Amino acid sequence: MLVGLVVLGGGPAAAAPVEIAAAVCPEPPPGMQAFADDVTAWVKWGVLALIGIGAVMSLGSILVGRIFSHPHASRYGAMGVAVVVMVAITYTVILTILGSITGSGCT
């Protein structure tokens, strides 16, 4: 046991100097940036269009439910508006996360 304490209690070893990188800059493979930009743009605008369509359909359901005294349509439309709002918030958060991962350079 005494040998273990002597070995573990030894003085600090001379450590070699270690260089630490200041930042890691993500770079796409050669020739992929244009393709990645196109795919990202199509996905962003597609999801944004779907959010808009969902909002219009939900509001239309509320309106039709009120006009024709159909409570189920109004209730489902209200739930649809709530879902659209949650999806829009999630969409914004995901875009921020992706932007921070694939940023446009080191900061």
PDB file of N, CA and C in Angstrom:
ATOM      1  N   MET A   1       0.823  -1.178   0.000  1.00  0.00           N
ATOM      2  CA  MET A   1       0.000   0.000   0.000  1.00  0.00           C
ATOM      3  C   MET A   1       0.870   1.245   0.000  1.00  0.00           C
ATOM      4  N   LEU A   2       1.964   1.166   0.731  1.00  0.00           N
ATOM      5  CA  LEU A   2       2.874   2.300   0.795  1.00  0.00           C
ATOM      6  C   LEU A   2       3.488   2.580  -0.572  1.00  0.00           C
ATOM      7  N   VAL A   3       3.743   1.532  -1.334  1.00  0.00           N
ATOM      8  CA  VAL A   3       4.307   1.709  -2.673  1.00  0.00           C
ATOM      9  C   VAL A   3       3.314   2.450  -3.564  1.00  0.00           C
ATOM     10  N   GLY A   4       2.024   2.117  -3.447  1.00  0.00           N
ATOM     11  CA  GLY A   4       0.992   2.787  -4.240  1.00  0.00           C
ATOM     12  C   GLY A   4       0.906   4.262  -3.912  1.00  0.00           C
ATOM     13  N   LEU A   5       1.012   4.613  -2.635  1.00  0.00           N
ATOM     14  CA  LEU A   5       0.966   6.016  -2.254  1.00  0.00           C
ATOM     15  C   LEU A   5       2.194   6.777  -2.753  1.00  0.00           C
ATOM     16  N   VAL A   6       3.325   6.121  -2.744  1.00  0.00           N
ATOM     17  CA  VAL A   6       4.544   6.776  -3.231  1.00  0.00           C
ATOM     18  C   VAL A   6       4.431   7.017  -4.730  1.00  0.00           C
ATOM     19  N   VAL A   7       3.907   6.037  -5.471  1.00  0.00           N
ATOM     20  CA  VAL A   7       3.770   6.179  -6.933  1.00  0.00           C
ATOM     21  C   VAL A   7       2.732   7.244  -7.255  1.00  0.00           C
ATOM     22  N   LEU A   8       1.590   7.216  -6.586  1.00  0.00           N
ATOM     23  CA  LEU A   8       0.520   8.183  -6.864  1.00  0.00           C
ATOM     24  C   LEU A   8       0.862   9.574  -6.337  1.00  0.00           C
ATOM     25  N   GLY A   9       1.644   9.642  -5.288  1.00  0.00           N
ATOM     26  CA  GLY A   9       1.964  10.932  -4.686  1.00  0.00           C
ATOM     27  C   GLY A   9       3.204  11.570  -5.269  1.00  0.00           C
ATOM     28  N   GLY A  10       3.719  11.016  -6.345  1.00  0.00           N
ATOM     29  CA  GLY A  10       4.919  11.570  -6.957  1.00  0.00           C
ATOM     30  C   GLY A  10       4.675  12.975  -7.465  1.00  0.00           C
ATOM     31  N   GLY A  11       5.730  13.700  -7.703  1.00  0.00           N
ATOM     32  CA  GLY A  11       5.640  15.071  -8.201  1.00  0.00           C
ATOM     33  C   GLY A  11       5.073  15.120  -9.608  1.00  0.00           C
ATOM     34  N   PRO A  12       4.752  16.307 -10.040  1.00  0.00           N
ATOM     35  CA  PRO A  12       4.174  16.442 -11.375  1.00  0.00           C
ATOM     36  C   PRO A  12       5.198  16.109 -12.449  1.00  0.00           C
ATOM     37  N   ALA A  13       4.732  15.378 -13.425  1.00  0.00           N
ATOM     38  CA  ALA A  13       5.606  15.009 -14.534  1.00  0.00           C
ATOM     39  C   ALA A  13       5.762  16.195 -15.464  1.00  0.00           C
ATOM     40  N   ALA A  14       6.861  16.260 -16.133  1.00  0.00           N
ATOM     41  CA  ALA A  14       7.093  17.351 -17.095  1.00  0.00           C
ATOM     42  C   ALA A  14       6.205  17.103 -18.304  1.00  0.00           C
ATOM     43  N   ALA A  15       5.207  17.931 -18.483  1.00  0.00           N
ATOM     44  CA  ALA A  15       4.268  17.760 -19.587  1.00  0.00           C
ATOM     45  C   ALA A  15       4.780  18.497 -20.819  1.00  0.00           C
ATOM     46  N   ALA A  16       4.567  17.897 -21.946  1.00  0.00           N
ATOM     47  CA  ALA A  16       4.946  18.538 -23.202  1.00  0.00           C
ATOM     48  C   ALA A  16       3.963  19.665 -23.484  1.00  0.00           C
ATOM     49  N   PRO A  17       4.415  20.765 -24.071  1.00  0.00           N
ATOM     50  CA  PRO A  17       3.485  21.851 -24.380  1.00  0.00           C
ATOM     51  C   PRO A  17       2.438  21.396 -25.392  1.00  0.00           C
ATOM     52  N   VAL A  18       1.192  21.758 -25.133  1.00  0.00           N
ATOM     53  CA  VAL A  18       0.082  21.355 -25.982  1.00  0.00           C
ATOM     54  C   VAL A  18      -0.494  22.601 -26.628  1.00  0.00           C
ATOM     55  N   GLU A  19      -0.649  22.543 -27.947  1.00  0.00           N
ATOM     56  CA  GLU A  19      -1.283  23.658 -28.653  1.00  0.00           C
ATOM     57  C   GLU A  19      -2.776  23.404 -28.716  1.00  0.00           C
ATOM     58  N   ILE A  20      -3.540  24.388 -28.342  1.00  0.00           N
ATOM     59  CA  ILE A  20      -4.992  24.274 -28.359  1.00  0.00           C
ATOM     60  C   ILE A  20      -5.510  25.133 -29.497  1.00  0.00           C
ATOM     61  N   ALA A  21      -6.316  24.536 -30.340  1.00  0.00           N
ATOM     62  CA  ALA A  21      -6.890  25.283 -31.463  1.00  0.00           C
ATOM     63  C   ALA A  21      -7.877  26.302 -30.924  1.00  0.00           C
ATOM     64  N   ALA A  22      -7.829  27.508 -31.472  1.00  0.00           N
ATOM     65  CA  ALA A  22      -8.703  28.579 -31.000  1.00  0.00           C
ATOM     66  C   ALA A  22     -10.148  28.324 -31.390  1.00  0.00           C
ATOM     67  N   ALA A  23     -10.375  27.820 -32.589  1.00  0.00           N
ATOM     68  CA  ALA A  23     -11.740  27.586 -33.045  1.00  0.00           C
ATOM     69  C   ALA A  23     -11.736  26.521 -34.124  1.00  0.00           C
ATOM     70  N   VAL A  24     -12.815  25.817 -34.223  1.00  0.00           N
ATOM     71  CA  VAL A  24     -12.977  24.832 -35.275  1.00  0.00           C
ATOM     72  C   VAL A  24     -13.995  25.388 -36.249  1.00  0.00           C
ATOM     73  N   CYS A  25     -13.567  25.591 -37.474  1.00  0.00           N
ATOM     74  CA  CYS A  25     -14.437  26.180 -38.490  1.00  0.00           C
ATOM     75  C   CYS A  25     -14.961  25.086 -39.407  1.00  0.00           C
ATOM     76  N   PRO A  26     -16.271  24.831 -39.405  1.00  0.00           N
ATOM     77  CA  PRO A  26     -16.795  23.799 -40.296  1.00  0.00           C
ATOM     78  C   PRO A  26     -16.715  24.264 -41.750  1.00  0.00           C
ATOM     79  N   GLU A  27     -16.204  23.402 -42.608  1.00  0.00           N
ATOM     80  CA  GLU A  27     -16.123  23.700 -44.032  1.00  0.00           C
ATOM     81  C   GLU A  27     -16.718  22.535 -44.798  1.00  0.00           C
ATOM     82  N   PRO A  28     -17.550  22.831 -45.796  1.00  0.00           N
ATOM     83  CA  PRO A  28     -18.131  21.749 -46.581  1.00  0.00           C
ATOM     84  C   PRO A  28     -17.080  21.127 -47.496  1.00  0.00           C
ATOM     85  N   PRO A  29     -17.311  19.904 -47.933  1.00  0.00           N
ATOM     86  CA  PRO A  29     -16.397  19.294 -48.889  1.00  0.00           C
ATOM     87  C   PRO A  29     -16.380  20.116 -50.186  1.00  0.00           C
ATOM     88  N   PRO A  30     -15.307  20.034 -50.939  1.00  0.00           N
ATOM     89  CA  PRO A  30     -15.231  20.818 -52.184  1.00  0.00           C
ATOM     90  C   PRO A  30     -16.391  20.506 -53.130  1.00  0.00           C
ATOM     91  N   GLY A  31     -17.007  21.564 -53.643  1.00  0.00           N
ATOM     92  CA  GLY A  31     -18.112  21.418 -54.592  1.00  0.00           C
ATOM     93  C   GLY A  31     -19.476  21.179 -53.968  1.00  0.00           C
ATOM     94  N   MET A  32     -19.558  21.065 -52.661  1.00  0.00           N
ATOM     95  CA  MET A  32     -20.831  20.744 -52.008  1.00  0.00           C
ATOM     96  C   MET A  32     -21.588  21.965 -51.511  1.00  0.00           C
ATOM     97  N   GLN A  33     -20.945  23.109 -51.403  1.00  0.00           N
ATOM     98  CA  GLN A  33     -21.598  24.273 -50.804  1.00  0.00           C
ATOM     99  C   GLN A  33     -22.819  24.723 -51.608  1.00  0.00           C
ATOM    100  N   ALA A  34     -22.699  24.765 -52.934  1.00  0.00           N
ATOM    101  CA  ALA A  34     -23.841  25.209 -53.757  1.00  0.00           C
ATOM    102  C   ALA A  34     -25.016  24.239 -53.611  1.00  0.00           C
ATOM    103  N   PHE A  35     -24.731  22.933 -53.634  1.00  0.00           N
ATOM    104  CA  PHE A  35     -25.780  21.931 -53.471  1.00  0.00           C
ATOM    105  C   PHE A  35     -26.424  22.034 -52.090  1.00  0.00           C
ATOM    106  N   ALA A  36     -25.615  22.187 -51.062  1.00  0.00           N
ATOM    107  CA  ALA A  36     -26.132  22.307 -49.696  1.00  0.00           C
ATOM    108  C   ALA A  36     -26.977  23.562 -49.539  1.00  0.00           C
ATOM    109  N   ASP A  37     -26.565  24.658 -50.163  1.00  0.00           N
ATOM    110  CA  ASP A  37     -27.355  25.901 -50.103  1.00  0.00           C
ATOM    111  C   ASP A  37     -28.705  25.719 -50.779  1.00  0.00           C
ATOM    112  N   ASP A  38     -28.724  25.039 -51.931  1.00  0.00           N
ATOM    113  CA  ASP A  38     -29.986  24.808 -52.639  1.00  0.00           C
ATOM    114  C   ASP A  38     -30.933  23.944 -51.811  1.00  0.00           C
ATOM    115  N   VAL A  39     -30.429  22.862 -51.265  1.00  0.00           N
ATOM    116  CA  VAL A  39     -31.273  21.962 -50.469  1.00  0.00           C
ATOM    117  C   VAL A  39     -31.800  22.687 -49.234  1.00  0.00           C
ATOM    118  N   THR A  40     -30.924  23.424 -48.569  1.00  0.00           N
ATOM    119  CA  THR A  40     -31.343  24.160 -47.371  1.00  0.00           C
ATOM    120  C   THR A  40     -32.415  25.187 -47.703  1.00  0.00           C
ATOM    121  N   ALA A  41     -32.235  25.909 -48.800  1.00  0.00           N
ATOM    122  CA  ALA A  41     -33.221  26.921 -49.191  1.00  0.00           C
ATOM    123  C   ALA A  41     -34.569  26.279 -49.514  1.00  0.00           C
ATOM    124  N   TRP A  42     -34.573  25.184 -50.252  1.00  0.00           N
ATOM    125  CA  TRP A  42     -35.831  24.519 -50.592  1.00  0.00           C
ATOM    126  C   TRP A  42     -36.532  24.002 -49.340  1.00  0.00           C
ATOM    127  N   VAL A  43     -35.783  23.431 -48.419  1.00  0.00           N
ATOM    128  CA  VAL A  43     -36.391  22.913 -47.186  1.00  0.00           C
ATOM    129  C   VAL A  43     -36.947  24.059 -46.347  1.00  0.00           C
ATOM    130  N   LYS A  44     -36.168  25.140 -46.200  1.00  0.00           N
ATOM    131  CA  LYS A  44     -36.639  26.287 -45.413  1.00  0.00           C
ATOM    132  C   LYS A  44     -37.928  26.851 -45.980  1.00  0.00           C
ATOM    133  N   TRP A  45     -37.952  27.115 -47.299  1.00  0.00           N
ATOM    134  CA  TRP A  45     -39.148  27.708 -47.889  1.00  0.00           C
ATOM    135  C   TRP A  45     -40.309  26.723 -47.940  1.00  0.00           C
ATOM    136  N   GLY A  46     -40.011  25.432 -48.097  1.00  0.00           N
ATOM    137  CA  GLY A  46     -41.078  24.432 -48.081  1.00  0.00           C
ATOM    138  C   GLY A  46     -41.757  24.343 -46.733  1.00  0.00           C
ATOM    139  N   VAL A  47     -40.960  24.310 -45.669  1.00  0.00           N
ATOM    140  CA  VAL A  47     -41.528  24.253 -44.321  1.00  0.00           C
ATOM    141  C   VAL A  47     -42.292  25.535 -44.012  1.00  0.00           C
ATOM    142  N   LEU A  48     -41.751  26.663 -44.426  1.00  0.00           N
ATOM    143  CA  LEU A  48     -42.447  27.934 -44.205  1.00  0.00           C
ATOM    144  C   LEU A  48     -43.790  27.961 -44.937  1.00  0.00           C
ATOM    145  N   ALA A  49     -43.825  27.431 -46.159  1.00  0.00           N
ATOM    146  CA  ALA A  49     -45.089  27.360 -46.909  1.00  0.00           C
ATOM    147  C   ALA A  49     -46.085  26.437 -46.208  1.00  0.00           C
ATOM    148  N   LEU A  50     -45.602  25.297 -45.690  1.00  0.00           N
ATOM    149  CA  LEU A  50     -46.495  24.381 -44.976  1.00  0.00           C
ATOM    150  C   LEU A  50     -47.049  24.997 -43.696  1.00  0.00           C
ATOM    151  N   ILE A  51     -46.227  25.790 -43.012  1.00  0.00           N
ATOM    152  CA  ILE A  51     -46.708  26.487 -41.811  1.00  0.00           C
ATOM    153  C   ILE A  51     -47.803  27.470 -42.191  1.00  0.00           C
ATOM    154  N   GLY A  52     -47.609  28.197 -43.274  1.00  0.00           N
ATOM    155  CA  GLY A  52     -48.631  29.148 -43.738  1.00  0.00           C
ATOM    156  C   GLY A  52     -49.919  28.455 -44.146  1.00  0.00           C
ATOM    157  N   ILE A  53     -49.795  27.354 -44.881  1.00  0.00           N
ATOM    158  CA  ILE A  53     -50.983  26.597 -45.297  1.00  0.00           C
ATOM    159  C   ILE A  53     -51.717  26.055 -44.069  1.00  0.00           C
ATOM    160  N   GLY A  54     -50.977  25.543 -43.095  1.00  0.00           N
ATOM    161  CA  GLY A  54     -51.605  25.038 -41.863  1.00  0.00           C
ATOM    162  C   GLY A  54     -52.341  26.126 -41.110  1.00  0.00           C
ATOM    163  N   ALA A  55     -51.754  27.326 -41.067  1.00  0.00           N
ATOM    164  CA  ALA A  55     -52.413  28.440 -40.370  1.00  0.00           C
ATOM    165  C   ALA A  55     -53.703  28.841 -41.077  1.00  0.00           C
ATOM    166  N   VAL A  56     -53.652  28.941 -42.406  1.00  0.00           N
ATOM    167  CA  VAL A  56     -54.856  29.326 -43.166  1.00  0.00           C
ATOM    168  C   VAL A  56     -55.942  28.261 -43.023  1.00  0.00           C
ATOM    169  N   MET A  57     -55.561  26.989 -43.096  1.00  0.00           N
ATOM    170  CA  MET A  57     -56.553  25.913 -42.958  1.00  0.00           C
ATOM    171  C   MET A  57     -57.158  25.898 -41.549  1.00  0.00           C
ATOM    172  N   SER A  58     -56.358  26.136 -40.536  1.00  0.00           N
ATOM    173  CA  SER A  58     -56.872  26.142 -39.165  1.00  0.00           C
ATOM    174  C   SER A  58     -57.823  27.314 -38.944  1.00  0.00           C
ATOM    175  N   LEU A  59     -57.434  28.478 -39.432  1.00  0.00           N
ATOM    176  CA  LEU A  59     -58.322  29.636 -39.298  1.00  0.00           C
ATOM    177  C   LEU A  59     -59.607  29.441 -40.104  1.00  0.00           C
ATOM    178  N   GLY A  60     -59.487  28.821 -41.278  1.00  0.00           N
ATOM    179  CA  GLY A  60     -60.679  28.509 -42.070  1.00  0.00           C
ATOM    180  C   GLY A  60     -61.595  27.539 -41.354  1.00  0.00           C
ATOM    181  N   SER A  61     -61.026  26.565 -40.658  1.00  0.00           N
ATOM    182  CA  SER A  61     -61.824  25.612 -39.899  1.00  0.00           C
ATOM    183  C   SER A  61     -62.574  26.306 -38.762  1.00  0.00           C
ATOM    184  N   ILE A  62     -61.908  27.240 -38.110  1.00  0.00           N
ATOM    185  CA  ILE A  62     -62.586  28.001 -37.050  1.00  0.00           C
ATOM    186  C   ILE A  62     -63.740  28.798 -37.646  1.00  0.00           C
ATOM    187  N   LEU A  63     -63.498  29.452 -38.763  1.00  0.00           N
ATOM    188  CA  LEU A  63     -64.530  30.268 -39.405  1.00  0.00           C
ATOM    189  C   LEU A  63     -65.716  29.420 -39.847  1.00  0.00           C
ATOM    190  N   VAL A  64     -65.448  28.289 -40.488  1.00  0.00           N
ATOM    191  CA  VAL A  64     -66.529  27.405 -40.941  1.00  0.00           C
ATOM    192  C   VAL A  64     -67.291  26.852 -39.738  1.00  0.00           C
ATOM    193  N   GLY A  65     -66.587  26.504 -38.682  1.00  0.00           N
ATOM    194  CA  GLY A  65     -67.255  25.999 -37.481  1.00  0.00           C
ATOM    195  C   GLY A  65     -68.170  27.030 -36.855  1.00  0.00           C
ATOM    196  N   ARG A  66     -67.768  28.296 -36.880  1.00  0.00           N
ATOM    197  CA  ARG A  66     -68.608  29.361 -36.317  1.00  0.00           C
ATOM    198  C   ARG A  66     -69.807  29.655 -37.213  1.00  0.00           C
ATOM    199  N   ILE A  67     -69.568  29.672 -38.523  1.00  0.00           N
ATOM    200  CA  ILE A  67     -70.664  30.006 -39.454  1.00  0.00           C
ATOM    201  C   ILE A  67     -71.738  28.928 -39.435  1.00  0.00           C
ATOM    202  N   PHE A  68     -71.327  27.658 -39.479  1.00  0.00           N
ATOM    203  CA  PHE A  68     -72.292  26.563 -39.575  1.00  0.00           C
ATOM    204  C   PHE A  68     -72.593  25.909 -38.226  1.00  0.00           C
ATOM    205  N   SER A  69     -72.210  26.540 -37.131  1.00  0.00           N
ATOM    206  CA  SER A  69     -72.472  26.034 -35.777  1.00  0.00           C
ATOM    207  C   SER A  69     -71.997  24.592 -35.617  1.00  0.00           C
ATOM    208  N   HIS A  70     -70.765  24.381 -36.011  1.00  0.00           N
ATOM    209  CA  HIS A  70     -70.163  23.059 -35.889  1.00  0.00           C
ATOM    210  C   HIS A  70     -69.010  23.158 -34.888  1.00  0.00           C
ATOM    211  N   PRO A  71     -69.283  22.810 -33.619  1.00  0.00           N
ATOM    212  CA  PRO A  71     -68.264  23.032 -32.584  1.00  0.00           C
ATOM    213  C   PRO A  71     -66.989  22.216 -32.772  1.00  0.00           C
ATOM    214  N   HIS A  72     -67.102  21.041 -33.378  1.00  0.00           N
ATOM    215  CA  HIS A  72     -65.915  20.217 -33.565  1.00  0.00           C
ATOM    216  C   HIS A  72     -64.937  20.886 -34.529  1.00  0.00           C
ATOM    217  N   ALA A  73     -65.453  21.480 -35.585  1.00  0.00           N
ATOM    218  CA  ALA A  73     -64.583  22.161 -36.548  1.00  0.00           C
ATOM    219  C   ALA A  73     -63.874  23.335 -35.883  1.00  0.00           C
ATOM    220  N   SER A  74     -64.602  24.081 -35.075  1.00  0.00           N
ATOM    221  CA  SER A  74     -63.980  25.211 -34.365  1.00  0.00           C
ATOM    222  C   SER A  74     -62.909  24.728 -33.396  1.00  0.00           C
ATOM    223  N   ARG A  75     -63.192  23.656 -32.674  1.00  0.00           N
ATOM    224  CA  ARG A  75     -62.233  23.145 -31.700  1.00  0.00           C
ATOM    225  C   ARG A  75     -60.984  22.622 -32.395  1.00  0.00           C
ATOM    226  N   TYR A  76     -61.162  21.867 -33.479  1.00  0.00           N
ATOM    227  CA  TYR A  76     -60.001  21.344 -34.210  1.00  0.00           C
ATOM    228  C   TYR A  76     -59.215  22.469 -34.867  1.00  0.00           C
ATOM    229  N   GLY A  77     -59.902  23.502 -35.314  1.00  0.00           N
ATOM    230  CA  GLY A  77     -59.206  24.648 -35.885  1.00  0.00           C
ATOM    231  C   GLY A  77     -58.375  25.379 -34.839  1.00  0.00           C
ATOM    232  N   ALA A  78     -58.910  25.511 -33.635  1.00  0.00           N
ATOM    233  CA  ALA A  78     -58.160  26.156 -32.556  1.00  0.00           C
ATOM    234  C   ALA A  78     -56.938  25.323 -32.172  1.00  0.00           C
ATOM    235  N   MET A  79     -57.107  24.002 -32.134  1.00  0.00           N
ATOM    236  CA  MET A  79     -55.951  23.140 -31.858  1.00  0.00           C
ATOM    237  C   MET A  79     -54.934  23.251 -32.981  1.00  0.00           C
ATOM    238  N   GLY A  80     -55.408  23.366 -34.215  1.00  0.00           N
ATOM    239  CA  GLY A  80     -54.514  23.524 -35.355  1.00  0.00           C
ATOM    240  C   GLY A  80     -53.695  24.797 -35.265  1.00  0.00           C
ATOM    241  N   VAL A  81     -54.329  25.887 -34.832  1.00  0.00           N
ATOM    242  CA  VAL A  81     -53.592  27.152 -34.668  1.00  0.00           C
ATOM    243  C   VAL A  81     -52.518  26.993 -33.601  1.00  0.00           C
ATOM    244  N   ALA A  82     -52.847  26.312 -32.514  1.00  0.00           N
ATOM    245  CA  ALA A  82     -51.858  26.091 -31.456  1.00  0.00           C
ATOM    246  C   ALA A  82     -50.694  25.244 -31.967  1.00  0.00           C
ATOM    247  N   VAL A  83     -50.994  24.219 -32.736  1.00  0.00           N
ATOM    248  CA  VAL A  83     -49.939  23.369 -33.294  1.00  0.00           C
ATOM    249  C   VAL A  83     -49.078  24.167 -34.267  1.00  0.00           C
ATOM    250  N   VAL A  84     -49.693  24.993 -35.088  1.00  0.00           N
ATOM    251  CA  VAL A  84     -48.937  25.804 -36.049  1.00  0.00           C
ATOM    252  C   VAL A  84     -47.993  26.757 -35.313  1.00  0.00           C
ATOM    253  N   VAL A  85     -48.447  27.340 -34.226  1.00  0.00           N
ATOM    254  CA  VAL A  85     -47.590  28.243 -33.454  1.00  0.00           C
ATOM    255  C   VAL A  85     -46.413  27.467 -32.854  1.00  0.00           C
ATOM    256  N   MET A  86     -46.675  26.274 -32.304  1.00  0.00           N
ATOM    257  CA  MET A  86     -45.583  25.472 -31.740  1.00  0.00           C
ATOM    258  C   MET A  86     -44.593  25.038 -32.815  1.00  0.00           C
ATOM    259  N   VAL A  87     -45.112  24.678 -33.995  1.00  0.00           N
ATOM    260  CA  VAL A  87     -44.234  24.290 -35.097  1.00  0.00           C
ATOM    261  C   VAL A  87     -43.395  25.483 -35.556  1.00  0.00           C
ATOM    262  N   ALA A  88     -43.979  26.672 -35.604  1.00  0.00           N
ATOM    263  CA  ALA A  88     -43.225  27.861 -36.013  1.00  0.00           C
ATOM    264  C   ALA A  88     -42.109  28.167 -35.015  1.00  0.00           C
ATOM    265  N   ILE A  89     -42.372  28.000 -33.735  1.00  0.00           N
ATOM    266  CA  ILE A  89     -41.335  28.224 -32.723  1.00  0.00           C
ATOM    267  C   ILE A  89     -40.231  27.179 -32.870  1.00  0.00           C
ATOM    268  N   THR A  90     -40.608  25.919 -33.051  1.00  0.00           N
ATOM    269  CA  THR A  90     -39.629  24.851 -33.239  1.00  0.00           C
ATOM    270  C   THR A  90     -38.806  25.082 -34.496  1.00  0.00           C
ATOM    271  N   TYR A  91     -39.446  25.531 -35.561  1.00  0.00           N
ATOM    272  CA  TYR A  91     -38.772  25.838 -36.827  1.00  0.00           C
ATOM    273  C   TYR A  91     -37.703  26.904 -36.615  1.00  0.00           C
ATOM    274  N   THR A  92     -38.036  27.936 -35.880  1.00  0.00           N
ATOM    275  CA  THR A  92     -37.076  29.005 -35.613  1.00  0.00           C
ATOM    276  C   THR A  92     -35.906  28.496 -34.778  1.00  0.00           C
ATOM    277  N   VAL A  93     -36.185  27.687 -33.777  1.00  0.00           N
ATOM    278  CA  VAL A  93     -35.126  27.152 -32.923  1.00  0.00           C
ATOM    279  C   VAL A  93     -34.210  26.229 -33.727  1.00  0.00           C
ATOM    280  N   ILE A  94     -34.783  25.369 -34.559  1.00  0.00           N
ATOM    281  CA  ILE A  94     -33.977  24.448 -35.358  1.00  0.00           C
ATOM    282  C   ILE A  94     -33.104  25.214 -36.346  1.00  0.00           C
ATOM    283  N   LEU A  95     -33.645  26.266 -36.969  1.00  0.00           N
ATOM    284  CA  LEU A  95     -32.834  27.064 -37.890  1.00  0.00           C
ATOM    285  C   LEU A  95     -31.672  27.732 -37.170  1.00  0.00           C
ATOM    286  N   THR A  96     -31.910  28.189 -35.961  1.00  0.00           N
ATOM    287  CA  THR A  96     -30.836  28.811 -35.179  1.00  0.00           C
ATOM    288  C   THR A  96     -29.760  27.788 -34.821  1.00  0.00           C
ATOM    289  N   ILE A  97     -30.180  26.600 -34.435  1.00  0.00           N
ATOM    290  CA  ILE A  97     -29.216  25.549 -34.097  1.00  0.00           C
ATOM    291  C   ILE A  97     -28.403  25.155 -35.324  1.00  0.00           C
ATOM    292  N   LEU A  98     -29.075  24.942 -36.454  1.00  0.00           N
ATOM    293  CA  LEU A  98     -28.357  24.575 -37.673  1.00  0.00           C
ATOM    294  C   LEU A  98     -27.417  25.686 -38.129  1.00  0.00           C
ATOM    295  N   GLY A  99     -27.854  26.926 -37.975  1.00  0.00           N
ATOM    296  CA  GLY A  99     -26.993  28.056 -38.342  1.00  0.00           C
ATOM    297  C   GLY A  99     -25.761  28.136 -37.470  1.00  0.00           C
ATOM    298  N   SER A 100     -25.896  27.784 -36.208  1.00  0.00           N
ATOM    299  CA  SER A 100     -24.724  27.833 -35.329  1.00  0.00           C
ATOM    300  C   SER A 100     -23.780  26.662 -35.599  1.00  0.00           C
ATOM    301  N   ILE A 101     -24.307  25.541 -36.055  1.00  0.00           N
ATOM    302  CA  ILE A 101     -23.453  24.399 -36.360  1.00  0.00           C
ATOM    303  C   ILE A 101     -22.695  24.621 -37.671  1.00  0.00           C
ATOM    304  N   THR A 102     -23.397  25.071 -38.680  1.00  0.00           N
ATOM    305  CA  THR A 102     -22.790  25.226 -40.007  1.00  0.00           C
ATOM    306  C   THR A 102     -22.475  26.664 -40.323  1.00  0.00           C
ATOM    307  N   GLY A 103     -22.238  27.482 -39.317  1.00  0.00           N
ATOM    308  CA  GLY A 103     -22.016  28.924 -39.463  1.00  0.00           C
ATOM    309  C   GLY A 103     -21.170  29.335 -40.641  1.00  0.00           C
ATOM    310  N   SER A 104     -21.113  30.613 -40.884  1.00  0.00           N
ATOM    311  CA  SER A 104     -20.398  31.139 -42.039  1.00  0.00           C
ATOM    312  C   SER A 104     -18.999  31.594 -41.660  1.00  0.00           C
ATOM    313  N   GLY A 105     -18.336  30.866 -40.836  1.00  0.00           N
ATOM    314  CA  GLY A 105     -16.977  31.216 -40.458  1.00  0.00           C
ATOM    315  C   GLY A 105     -16.794  31.157 -38.968  1.00  0.00           C
ATOM    316  N   CYS A 106     -15.588  31.382 -38.543  1.00  0.00           N
ATOM    317  CA  CYS A 106     -15.278  31.339 -37.112  1.00  0.00           C
ATOM    318  C   CYS A 106     -15.587  32.665 -36.463  1.00  0.00           C
ATOM    319  N   THR A 107     -16.098  32.605 -35.252  1.00  0.00           N
ATOM    320  CA  THR A 107     -16.359  33.828 -34.499  1.00  0.00           C
ATOM    321  C   THR A 107     -15.594  33.795 -33.207  1.00  0.00           C
TER     322      THR A 107
END
